[in-house]
Amino acid sequence: MRLTITLYFFLSCLNAVAAEALTSTVQPHIFVKAQSNKSHNSKAQPLLEAEEKVNRVLDSLHQFASDANFDDYFSLYSDNAVFIGTDANEIWTINAFKAYAQPHFSKGRGWTYTPHSRHIYFSNNRDVAWFDELLDNDSLGVTRGTGVLVLVNNEWKVSQYHLTIPIPNALADSVAEQIKSHREKGQ
């Protein structure tokens, strides 16, 4: 009986997620400058504008980080934002993340992640956007950023950013063993 209820609940949740995914507006962006085109219909135009605005925020985020521009970088985050780094222990509130970044940025040392592909998606009412992007970094190589932006007073703000290092499936077992060993040593 418990298994039946659990399975039913799981399938109901899965159905709800699938329904949202199918009805959400999905507009991937691959860094091609949008052309002004009068043939866009009235429904597509606001979506294109929203996508361009979100894209500008994310591009600015990376540029300000690379320039170690503390004020402009953090102005792009919401007041309750969270930054999740590559280490399992790196889950920072915006204030904790500012405290981490300040000493680096004040010395002119930011971090440079160059995006080379990005997909942006929107909630049906277009006040929430989520994205995934692949980035290049000199020391880490290919990384992935994912996150959420919210519309606050007609401005897109990063509410969550999560930086990861994608691991090829062929290396996953080896990397997982290294992580287990690292944790067992108390590191």
C-alpha atoms as a PDB file:
ATOM      1  CA  MET A   1       0.000   0.000   0.000  1.00  0.00           C
ATOM      2  CA  ARG A   2       2.792   2.416   0.972  1.00  0.00           C
ATOM      3  CA  LEU A   3       4.633   1.602  -2.275  1.00  0.00           C
ATOM      4  CA  THR A   4       1.465   2.264  -4.292  1.00  0.00           C
ATOM      5  CA  ILE A   5       0.922   5.647  -2.619  1.00  0.00           C
ATOM      6  CA  THR A   6       4.596   6.574  -3.040  1.00  0.00           C
ATOM      7  CA  LEU A   7       4.564   5.514  -6.686  1.00  0.00           C
ATOM      8  CA  TYR A   8       1.335   7.426  -7.299  1.00  0.00           C
ATOM      9  CA  PHE A   9       2.789  10.543  -5.641  1.00  0.00           C
ATOM     10  CA  PHE A  10       5.999  10.217  -7.664  1.00  0.00           C
ATOM     11  CA  LEU A  11       4.102   9.836 -10.941  1.00  0.00           C
ATOM     12  CA  SER A  12       1.860  12.798 -10.070  1.00  0.00           C
ATOM     13  CA  CYS A  13       4.919  14.969  -9.424  1.00  0.00           C
ATOM     14  CA  LEU A  14       6.574  13.743 -12.599  1.00  0.00           C
ATOM     15  CA  ASN A  15       3.409  14.537 -14.544  1.00  0.00           C
ATOM     16  CA  ALA A  16       3.281  18.065 -13.070  1.00  0.00           C
ATOM     17  CA  VAL A  17       6.939  18.705 -13.962  1.00  0.00           C
ATOM     18  CA  ALA A  18       6.407  17.376 -17.479  1.00  0.00           C
ATOM     19  CA  ALA A  19       3.316  19.539 -17.923  1.00  0.00           C
ATOM     20  CA  GLU A  20       5.242  22.652 -16.823  1.00  0.00           C
ATOM     21  CA  ALA A  21       8.127  21.777 -19.142  1.00  0.00           C
ATOM     22  CA  LEU A  22       5.796  21.264 -22.080  1.00  0.00           C
ATOM     23  CA  THR A  23       3.853  24.472 -21.483  1.00  0.00           C
ATOM     24  CA  SER A  24       6.834  26.653 -20.525  1.00  0.00           C
ATOM     25  CA  THR A  25       8.264  28.955 -23.102  1.00  0.00           C
ATOM     26  CA  VAL A  26      11.601  27.522 -24.153  1.00  0.00           C
ATOM     27  CA  GLN A  27      13.873  29.866 -26.031  1.00  0.00           C
ATOM     28  CA  PRO A  28      17.485  28.715 -26.225  1.00  0.00           C
ATOM     29  CA  HIS A  29      20.059  31.386 -26.940  1.00  0.00           C
ATOM     30  CA  ILE A  30      23.274  30.490 -28.735  1.00  0.00           C
ATOM     31  CA  PHE A  31      24.966  33.897 -28.761  1.00  0.00           C
ATOM     32  CA  VAL A  32      23.644  35.051 -32.086  1.00  0.00           C
ATOM     33  CA  LYS A  33      22.763  38.725 -31.977  1.00  0.00           C
ATOM     34  CA  ALA A  34      19.037  39.028 -32.503  1.00  0.00           C
ATOM     35  CA  GLN A  35      18.120  40.852 -35.669  1.00  0.00           C
ATOM     36  CA  SER A  36      15.342  43.391 -35.661  1.00  0.00           C
ATOM     37  CA  ASN A  37      12.615  41.806 -37.714  1.00  0.00           C
ATOM     38  CA  LYS A  38       9.199  43.360 -38.176  1.00  0.00           C
ATOM     39  CA  SER A  39       7.725  39.983 -39.087  1.00  0.00           C
ATOM     40  CA  HIS A  40       7.838  38.883 -35.407  1.00  0.00           C
ATOM     41  CA  ASN A  41       4.346  38.441 -34.070  1.00  0.00           C
ATOM     42  CA  SER A  42       3.255  40.363 -30.982  1.00  0.00           C
ATOM     43  CA  LYS A  43       3.608  37.332 -28.677  1.00  0.00           C
ATOM     44  CA  ALA A  44       7.130  36.492 -29.812  1.00  0.00           C
ATOM     45  CA  GLN A  45       8.452  40.053 -29.517  1.00  0.00           C
ATOM     46  CA  PRO A  46       8.116  40.389 -25.710  1.00  0.00           C
ATOM     47  CA  LEU A  47       9.776  36.994 -25.302  1.00  0.00           C
ATOM     48  CA  LEU A  48      12.669  38.042 -27.519  1.00  0.00           C
ATOM     49  CA  GLU A  49      13.070  41.249 -25.514  1.00  0.00           C
ATOM     50  CA  ALA A  50      13.049  39.329 -22.228  1.00  0.00           C
ATOM     51  CA  GLU A  51      15.600  36.877 -23.577  1.00  0.00           C
ATOM     52  CA  GLU A  52      17.880  39.704 -24.702  1.00  0.00           C
ATOM     53  CA  LYS A  53      17.634  41.346 -21.260  1.00  0.00           C
ATOM     54  CA  VAL A  54      18.450  38.121 -19.411  1.00  0.00           C
ATOM     55  CA  ASN A  55      21.319  37.460 -21.796  1.00  0.00           C
ATOM     56  CA  ARG A  56      22.719  40.974 -21.152  1.00  0.00           C
ATOM     57  CA  VAL A  57      22.549  40.435 -17.388  1.00  0.00           C
ATOM     58  CA  LEU A  58      24.452  37.148 -17.628  1.00  0.00           C
ATOM     59  CA  ASP A  59      27.035  38.570 -20.034  1.00  0.00           C
ATOM     60  CA  SER A  60      27.507  41.562 -17.709  1.00  0.00           C
ATOM     61  CA  LEU A  61      27.839  39.254 -14.717  1.00  0.00           C
ATOM     62  CA  HIS A  62      30.769  37.468 -16.354  1.00  0.00           C
ATOM     63  CA  GLN A  63      32.371  40.690 -17.579  1.00  0.00           C
ATOM     64  CA  PHE A  64      32.130  42.405 -14.174  1.00  0.00           C
ATOM     65  CA  ALA A  65      33.600  39.311 -12.481  1.00  0.00           C
ATOM     66  CA  SER A  66      36.483  39.263 -14.943  1.00  0.00           C
ATOM     67  CA  ASP A  67      37.055  43.002 -14.375  1.00  0.00           C
ATOM     68  CA  ALA A  68      36.846  42.530 -10.569  1.00  0.00           C
ATOM     69  CA  ASN A  69      34.129  45.198 -10.543  1.00  0.00           C
ATOM     70  CA  PHE A  70      32.597  44.461  -7.133  1.00  0.00           C
ATOM     71  CA  ASP A  71      29.741  46.990  -7.082  1.00  0.00           C
ATOM     72  CA  ASP A  72      28.454  46.345 -10.599  1.00  0.00           C
ATOM     73  CA  TYR A  73      28.886  42.588 -10.244  1.00  0.00           C
ATOM     74  CA  PHE A  74      26.843  42.343  -7.062  1.00  0.00           C
ATOM     75  CA  SER A  75      24.231  44.817  -8.289  1.00  0.00           C
ATOM     76  CA  LEU A  76      23.093  42.067 -10.670  1.00  0.00           C
ATOM     77  CA  TYR A  77      22.071  39.739  -7.817  1.00  0.00           C
ATOM     78  CA  SER A  78      18.773  39.787  -5.928  1.00  0.00           C
ATOM     79  CA  ASP A  79      18.826  40.642  -2.223  1.00  0.00           C
ATOM     80  CA  ASN A  80      18.275  37.001  -1.270  1.00  0.00           C
ATOM     81  CA  ALA A  81      20.528  35.425  -3.907  1.00  0.00           C
ATOM     82  CA  VAL A  82      22.543  32.258  -3.389  1.00  0.00           C
ATOM     83  CA  PHE A  83      25.793  31.330  -5.118  1.00  0.00           C
ATOM     84  CA  ILE A  84      26.693  27.637  -5.241  1.00  0.00           C
ATOM     85  CA  GLY A  85      30.314  26.917  -6.098  1.00  0.00           C
ATOM     86  CA  THR A  86      32.101  23.831  -7.359  1.00  0.00           C
ATOM     87  CA  ASP A  87      32.935  22.490  -3.894  1.00  0.00           C
ATOM     88  CA  ALA A  88      30.122  20.727  -2.018  1.00  0.00           C
ATOM     89  CA  ASN A  89      30.620  23.148   0.894  1.00  0.00           C
ATOM     90  CA  GLU A  90      30.279  26.277  -1.250  1.00  0.00           C
ATOM     91  CA  ILE A  91      26.701  27.410  -0.713  1.00  0.00           C
ATOM     92  CA  TRP A  92      26.828  31.121  -0.056  1.00  0.00           C
ATOM     93  CA  THR A  93      24.161  33.663   0.752  1.00  0.00           C
ATOM     94  CA  ILE A  94      24.753  36.868  -1.138  1.00  0.00           C
ATOM     95  CA  ASN A  95      26.359  38.492   1.918  1.00  0.00           C
ATOM     96  CA  ALA A  96      28.688  35.539   2.490  1.00  0.00           C
ATOM     97  CA  PHE A  97      29.596  35.539  -1.202  1.00  0.00           C
ATOM     98  CA  LYS A  98      30.364  39.271  -1.045  1.00  0.00           C
ATOM     99  CA  ALA A  99      32.653  38.641   1.935  1.00  0.00           C
ATOM    100  CA  TYR A 100      34.442  35.937  -0.060  1.00  0.00           C
ATOM    101  CA  ALA A 101      34.798  38.058  -3.207  1.00  0.00           C
ATOM    102  CA  GLN A 102      35.729  41.410  -1.638  1.00  0.00           C
ATOM    103  CA  PRO A 103      39.390  40.639  -0.856  1.00  0.00           C
ATOM    104  CA  HIS A 104      39.947  39.247  -4.361  1.00  0.00           C
ATOM    105  CA  PHE A 105      38.141  42.036  -6.201  1.00  0.00           C
ATOM    106  CA  SER A 106      39.814  44.753  -4.086  1.00  0.00           C
ATOM    107  CA  LYS A 107      43.182  43.456  -5.366  1.00  0.00           C
ATOM    108  CA  GLY A 108      41.896  43.563  -8.959  1.00  0.00           C
ATOM    109  CA  ARG A 109      41.627  39.766  -9.129  1.00  0.00           C
ATOM    110  CA  GLY A 110      38.312  38.563 -10.437  1.00  0.00           C
ATOM    111  CA  TRP A 111      37.534  35.362 -12.238  1.00  0.00           C
ATOM    112  CA  THR A 112      37.136  34.899 -15.952  1.00  0.00           C
ATOM    113  CA  TYR A 113      34.604  32.472 -17.347  1.00  0.00           C
ATOM    114  CA  THR A 114      33.904  32.930 -21.032  1.00  0.00           C
ATOM    115  CA  PRO A 115      30.478  31.689 -22.122  1.00  0.00           C
ATOM    116  CA  HIS A 116      30.254  29.826 -25.404  1.00  0.00           C
ATOM    117  CA  SER A 117      26.702  28.500 -25.313  1.00  0.00           C
ATOM    118  CA  ARG A 118      23.613  29.331 -23.306  1.00  0.00           C
ATOM    119  CA  HIS A 119      19.967  28.268 -23.126  1.00  0.00           C
ATOM    120  CA  ILE A 120      17.390  30.524 -21.472  1.00  0.00           C
ATOM    121  CA  TYR A 121      13.899  29.449 -20.437  1.00  0.00           C
ATOM    122  CA  PHE A 122      10.951  31.376 -18.973  1.00  0.00           C
ATOM    123  CA  SER A 123       8.003  30.693 -16.713  1.00  0.00           C
ATOM    124  CA  ASN A 124       4.638  31.174 -18.392  1.00  0.00           C
ATOM    125  CA  ASN A 125       4.159  34.618 -16.883  1.00  0.00           C
ATOM    126  CA  ARG A 126       7.772  35.565 -17.758  1.00  0.00           C
ATOM    127  CA  ASP A 127       8.780  36.788 -14.311  1.00  0.00           C
ATOM    128  CA  VAL A 128      11.215  33.901 -13.725  1.00  0.00           C
ATOM    129  CA  ALA A 129      13.958  32.767 -16.076  1.00  0.00           C
ATOM    130  CA  TRP A 130      16.331  29.848 -15.736  1.00  0.00           C
ATOM    131  CA  PHE A 131      19.373  29.034 -17.785  1.00  0.00           C
ATOM    132  CA  ASP A 132      22.258  26.725 -18.392  1.00  0.00           C
ATOM    133  CA  GLU A 133      25.492  27.773 -20.006  1.00  0.00           C
ATOM    134  CA  LEU A 134      28.859  26.282 -20.863  1.00  0.00           C
ATOM    135  CA  LEU A 135      31.862  28.412 -20.028  1.00  0.00           C
ATOM    136  CA  ASP A 136      35.603  28.218 -20.553  1.00  0.00           C
ATOM    137  CA  ASN A 137      38.038  28.938 -17.733  1.00  0.00           C
ATOM    138  CA  ASP A 138      41.830  28.893 -17.976  1.00  0.00           C
ATOM    139  CA  SER A 139      42.390  26.679 -14.943  1.00  0.00           C
ATOM    140  CA  LEU A 140      39.237  24.530 -14.859  1.00  0.00           C
ATOM    141  CA  GLY A 141      38.578  24.138 -18.579  1.00  0.00           C
ATOM    142  CA  VAL A 142      34.924  23.673 -19.510  1.00  0.00           C
ATOM    143  CA  THR A 143      32.525  24.532 -16.715  1.00  0.00           C
ATOM    144  CA  ARG A 144      28.755  24.800 -16.519  1.00  0.00           C
ATOM    145  CA  GLY A 145      26.733  27.562 -14.955  1.00  0.00           C
ATOM    146  CA  THR A 146      23.066  27.132 -14.189  1.00  0.00           C
ATOM    147  CA  GLY A 147      20.769  29.443 -12.374  1.00  0.00           C
ATOM    148  CA  VAL A 148      17.614  31.412 -11.908  1.00  0.00           C
ATOM    149  CA  LEU A 149      16.791  35.062 -12.515  1.00  0.00           C
ATOM    150  CA  VAL A 150      13.749  36.875 -11.178  1.00  0.00           C
ATOM    151  CA  LEU A 151      12.123  40.034 -12.423  1.00  0.00           C
ATOM    152  CA  VAL A 152      12.379  42.660  -9.658  1.00  0.00           C
ATOM    153  CA  ASN A 153      10.963  46.125 -10.376  1.00  0.00           C
ATOM    154  CA  ASN A 154      11.287  45.439 -14.128  1.00  0.00           C
ATOM    155  CA  GLU A 155      14.955  44.418 -13.775  1.00  0.00           C
ATOM    156  CA  TRP A 156      16.278  40.886 -14.095  1.00  0.00           C
ATOM    157  CA  LYS A 157      18.274  39.836 -11.025  1.00  0.00           C
ATOM    158  CA  VAL A 158      20.275  36.658 -10.507  1.00  0.00           C
ATOM    159  CA  SER A 159      18.624  34.785  -7.655  1.00  0.00           C
ATOM    160  CA  GLN A 160      20.755  31.654  -7.865  1.00  0.00           C
ATOM    161  CA  TYR A 161      23.952  30.839  -9.704  1.00  0.00           C
ATOM    162  CA  HIS A 162      25.476  27.367  -9.608  1.00  0.00           C
ATOM    163  CA  LEU A 163      28.929  26.744 -11.062  1.00  0.00           C
ATOM    164  CA  THR A 164      29.854  23.128 -11.799  1.00  0.00           C
ATOM    165  CA  ILE A 165      32.534  21.164 -13.550  1.00  0.00           C
ATOM    166  CA  PRO A 166      30.858  18.718 -15.938  1.00  0.00           C
ATOM    167  CA  ILE A 167      32.463  15.307 -15.691  1.00  0.00           C
ATOM    168  CA  PRO A 168      32.506  13.076 -18.761  1.00  0.00           C
ATOM    169  CA  ASN A 169      30.631   9.845 -18.044  1.00  0.00           C
ATOM    170  CA  ALA A 170      33.740   7.814 -18.873  1.00  0.00           C
ATOM    171  CA  LEU A 171      35.560   9.527 -15.964  1.00  0.00           C
ATOM    172  CA  ALA A 172      32.678   9.663 -13.467  1.00  0.00           C
ATOM    173  CA  ASP A 173      33.563   6.491 -11.517  1.00  0.00           C
ATOM    174  CA  SER A 174      37.182   7.554 -11.126  1.00  0.00           C
ATOM    175  CA  VAL A 175      36.253  11.075 -10.034  1.00  0.00           C
ATOM    176  CA  ALA A 176      33.651   9.743  -7.579  1.00  0.00           C
ATOM    177  CA  GLU A 177      36.298   7.477  -6.024  1.00  0.00           C
ATOM    178  CA  GLN A 178      38.692  10.405  -5.679  1.00  0.00           C
ATOM    179  CA  ILE A 179      35.989  12.450  -3.943  1.00  0.00           C
ATOM    180  CA  LYS A 180      35.169   9.568  -1.571  1.00  0.00           C
ATOM    181  CA  SER A 181      38.846   9.143  -0.720  1.00  0.00           C
ATOM    182  CA  HIS A 182      39.214  12.882  -0.161  1.00  0.00           C
ATOM    183  CA  ARG A 183      36.251  12.921   2.246  1.00  0.00           C
ATOM    184  CA  GLU A 184      37.435   9.843   4.115  1.00  0.00           C
ATOM    185  CA  LYS A 185      40.710  11.651   4.800  1.00  0.00           C
ATOM    186  CA  GLY A 186      38.692  14.469   6.347  1.00  0.00           C
ATOM    187  CA  GLN A 187      39.578  16.996   3.688  1.00  0.00           C
END
